[in-house]
Amino acid sequence: MRRVSYQFPNRCDLEFEADVHFPVFLNAVESLAGRQDNFRTERGPIKREISVLLANDRLGFEKIEQGSQMSKIATDAADIVVILTDTVLKASGNVPLNDHRFMIRTIEKGDRTEVFITKSPSIEGFDSMDMKKMILEALS
């Protein structure tokens, strides 16, 4: 079943094709769900948590966990929201930063997957090209 949302914007920041079948692509995105990464910036140590949501009933999104078998839920097309939540880790207390929210539309094109990425809202830091790299790393 197509899992698309009316909320997907009319414009996108980035469009590309992945050389993998649609279910393989969805499994790679699902593998990002619940992942945590730690890294350092000029602000100090940062913890990044990744949430993945899949379109549901054309109006909302449902949270996806690893093992949800997203590739069996969606066929032909799927709208996905990936949210990156960054937190600065400090001894005096953790400080949340802005969330990076990406809307990703995926469409099956035979043995390839067409992908459209839009960042909303447009805040500095992680951008659509970085999201593409993250997805391609999950595919490898």
Protein backbone atom coordinates (compact mmCIF):
# COMPACT_ATOMS: atom_id res chain seq x y z
CA MET A 1 0.00 0.00 0.00
CA ARG A 2 1.22 3.47 -0.81
CA ARG A 3 2.12 5.36 2.36
CA VAL A 4 2.10 9.00 1.27
CA SER A 5 1.13 12.18 3.08
CA TYR A 6 -0.63 15.36 2.02
CA GLN A 7 1.89 17.20 4.19
CA PHE A 8 4.79 16.59 1.80
CA PRO A 9 5.85 19.99 0.37
CA ASN A 10 5.62 20.87 -3.31
CA ARG A 11 9.32 21.69 -3.48
CA CYS A 12 12.31 19.62 -2.50
CA ASP A 13 15.92 20.45 -1.64
CA LEU A 14 17.47 17.39 -3.23
CA GLU A 15 16.47 14.65 -5.67
CA PHE A 16 18.45 11.52 -6.51
CA GLU A 17 18.06 7.88 -7.47
CA ALA A 18 19.41 5.02 -5.38
CA ASP A 19 20.58 1.91 -7.24
CA VAL A 20 18.63 -0.43 -4.95
CA HIS A 21 15.16 -1.93 -4.93
CA PHE A 22 12.48 -0.07 -2.99
CA PRO A 23 12.24 -2.61 -0.08
CA VAL A 24 16.04 -2.55 0.37
CA PHE A 25 15.97 1.24 0.56
CA LEU A 26 13.17 1.19 3.16
CA ASN A 27 15.08 -1.36 5.26
CA ALA A 28 18.14 0.89 5.21
CA VAL A 29 16.12 3.90 6.42
CA GLU A 30 14.50 1.71 9.09
CA SER A 31 17.99 0.75 10.32
CA LEU A 32 18.49 4.42 11.30
CA ALA A 33 15.50 4.35 13.69
CA GLY A 34 16.48 4.66 17.33
CA ARG A 35 20.16 5.09 16.54
CA GLN A 36 22.32 7.36 18.71
CA ASP A 37 25.60 8.96 17.70
CA ASN A 38 28.04 10.99 19.80
CA PHE A 39 30.45 13.56 18.38
CA ARG A 40 32.23 16.78 19.31
CA THR A 41 31.68 20.32 18.06
CA GLU A 42 32.83 23.76 19.20
CA ARG A 43 29.88 23.69 21.65
CA GLY A 44 31.20 20.51 23.26
CA PRO A 45 30.13 16.86 23.15
CA ILE A 46 26.84 16.26 21.30
CA LYS A 47 24.47 13.30 21.44
CA ARG A 48 22.31 12.83 18.31
CA GLU A 49 19.19 10.66 18.44
CA ILE A 50 17.44 9.59 15.22
CA SER A 51 13.68 9.04 14.94
CA VAL A 52 11.97 7.65 11.84
CA LEU A 53 8.25 8.13 11.07
CA LEU A 54 6.21 6.67 8.20
CA ALA A 55 3.13 8.28 6.62
CA ASN A 56 -0.15 6.92 7.93
CA ASP A 57 -3.67 7.65 6.57
CA ARG A 58 -2.32 10.48 4.36
CA LEU A 59 -2.58 12.93 7.27
CA GLY A 60 -0.26 11.73 10.02
CA PHE A 61 2.88 9.75 10.68
CA GLU A 62 3.55 6.72 12.85
CA LYS A 63 6.86 6.06 14.62
CA ILE A 64 8.96 3.25 13.19
CA GLU A 65 11.26 1.13 15.33
CA GLN A 66 13.94 -1.28 14.13
CA GLY A 67 12.25 -4.57 13.31
CA SER A 68 8.98 -2.92 12.21
CA GLN A 69 9.49 -4.34 8.71
CA MET A 70 8.69 -1.05 7.01
CA SER A 71 9.37 -2.67 3.63
CA LYS A 72 6.34 -4.93 4.14
CA ILE A 73 4.09 -2.06 5.24
CA ALA A 74 4.74 0.23 2.26
CA THR A 75 4.71 -0.53 -1.46
CA ASP A 76 5.27 1.69 -4.51
CA ALA A 77 5.75 4.96 -2.58
CA ALA A 78 6.39 6.11 0.97
CA ASP A 79 6.75 9.44 2.74
CA ILE A 80 9.16 9.29 5.65
CA VAL A 81 10.09 11.85 8.29
CA VAL A 82 13.55 11.59 9.85
CA ILE A 83 14.15 13.72 12.95
CA LEU A 84 17.65 14.30 14.30
CA THR A 85 17.59 15.51 17.91
CA ASP A 86 20.87 16.99 19.12
CA THR A 87 21.70 17.53 22.79
CA VAL A 88 24.83 19.22 24.17
CA LEU A 89 26.18 17.09 27.02
CA LYS A 90 27.41 19.22 29.93
CA ALA A 91 28.27 18.42 33.52
CA SER A 92 25.86 21.14 34.67
CA GLY A 93 23.01 19.59 32.65
CA ASN A 94 22.15 18.64 29.10
CA VAL A 95 21.10 21.42 26.71
CA PRO A 96 18.76 20.50 23.83
CA LEU A 97 19.45 22.06 20.43
CA ASN A 98 17.09 22.54 17.50
CA ASP A 99 15.76 19.39 15.83
CA HIS A 100 16.69 18.74 12.21
CA ARG A 101 13.52 17.47 10.50
CA PHE A 102 13.63 15.93 7.02
CA MET A 103 10.72 14.83 4.86
CA ILE A 104 11.73 12.11 2.44
CA ARG A 105 9.55 10.86 -0.42
CA THR A 106 10.57 7.54 -1.94
CA ILE A 107 9.09 6.11 -5.13
CA GLU A 108 9.72 2.68 -6.61
CA LYS A 109 11.16 2.89 -10.15
CA GLY A 110 11.74 -0.75 -11.12
CA ASP A 111 15.08 -1.85 -9.70
CA ARG A 112 15.86 1.70 -8.50
CA THR A 113 14.37 4.04 -5.91
CA GLU A 114 13.71 7.71 -6.61
CA VAL A 115 14.26 9.89 -3.53
CA PHE A 116 13.23 13.48 -2.74
CA ILE A 117 14.53 15.17 0.43
CA THR A 118 13.28 18.40 2.01
CA LYS A 119 14.50 19.93 5.27
CA SER A 120 11.91 21.72 7.38
CA PRO A 121 12.47 24.23 8.91
CA SER A 122 15.63 25.54 7.33
CA ILE A 123 18.06 25.91 10.23
CA GLU A 124 21.84 25.81 10.07
CA GLY A 125 23.76 22.61 10.55
CA PHE A 126 22.82 19.25 9.12
CA ASP A 127 21.38 19.70 5.59
CA SER A 128 19.72 17.60 2.87
CA MET A 129 23.06 16.57 1.36
CA ASP A 130 24.18 15.30 4.77
CA MET A 131 20.93 13.32 5.03
CA LYS A 132 21.62 11.79 1.60
CA LYS A 133 25.09 10.74 2.79
CA MET A 134 23.61 9.22 5.96
CA ILE A 135 21.10 7.20 3.91
CA LEU A 136 23.74 6.03 1.43
CA GLU A 137 25.97 4.92 4.33
CA ALA A 138 23.07 2.89 5.72
CA LEU A 139 22.69 1.28 2.29
CA SER A 140 26.33 0.16 2.17
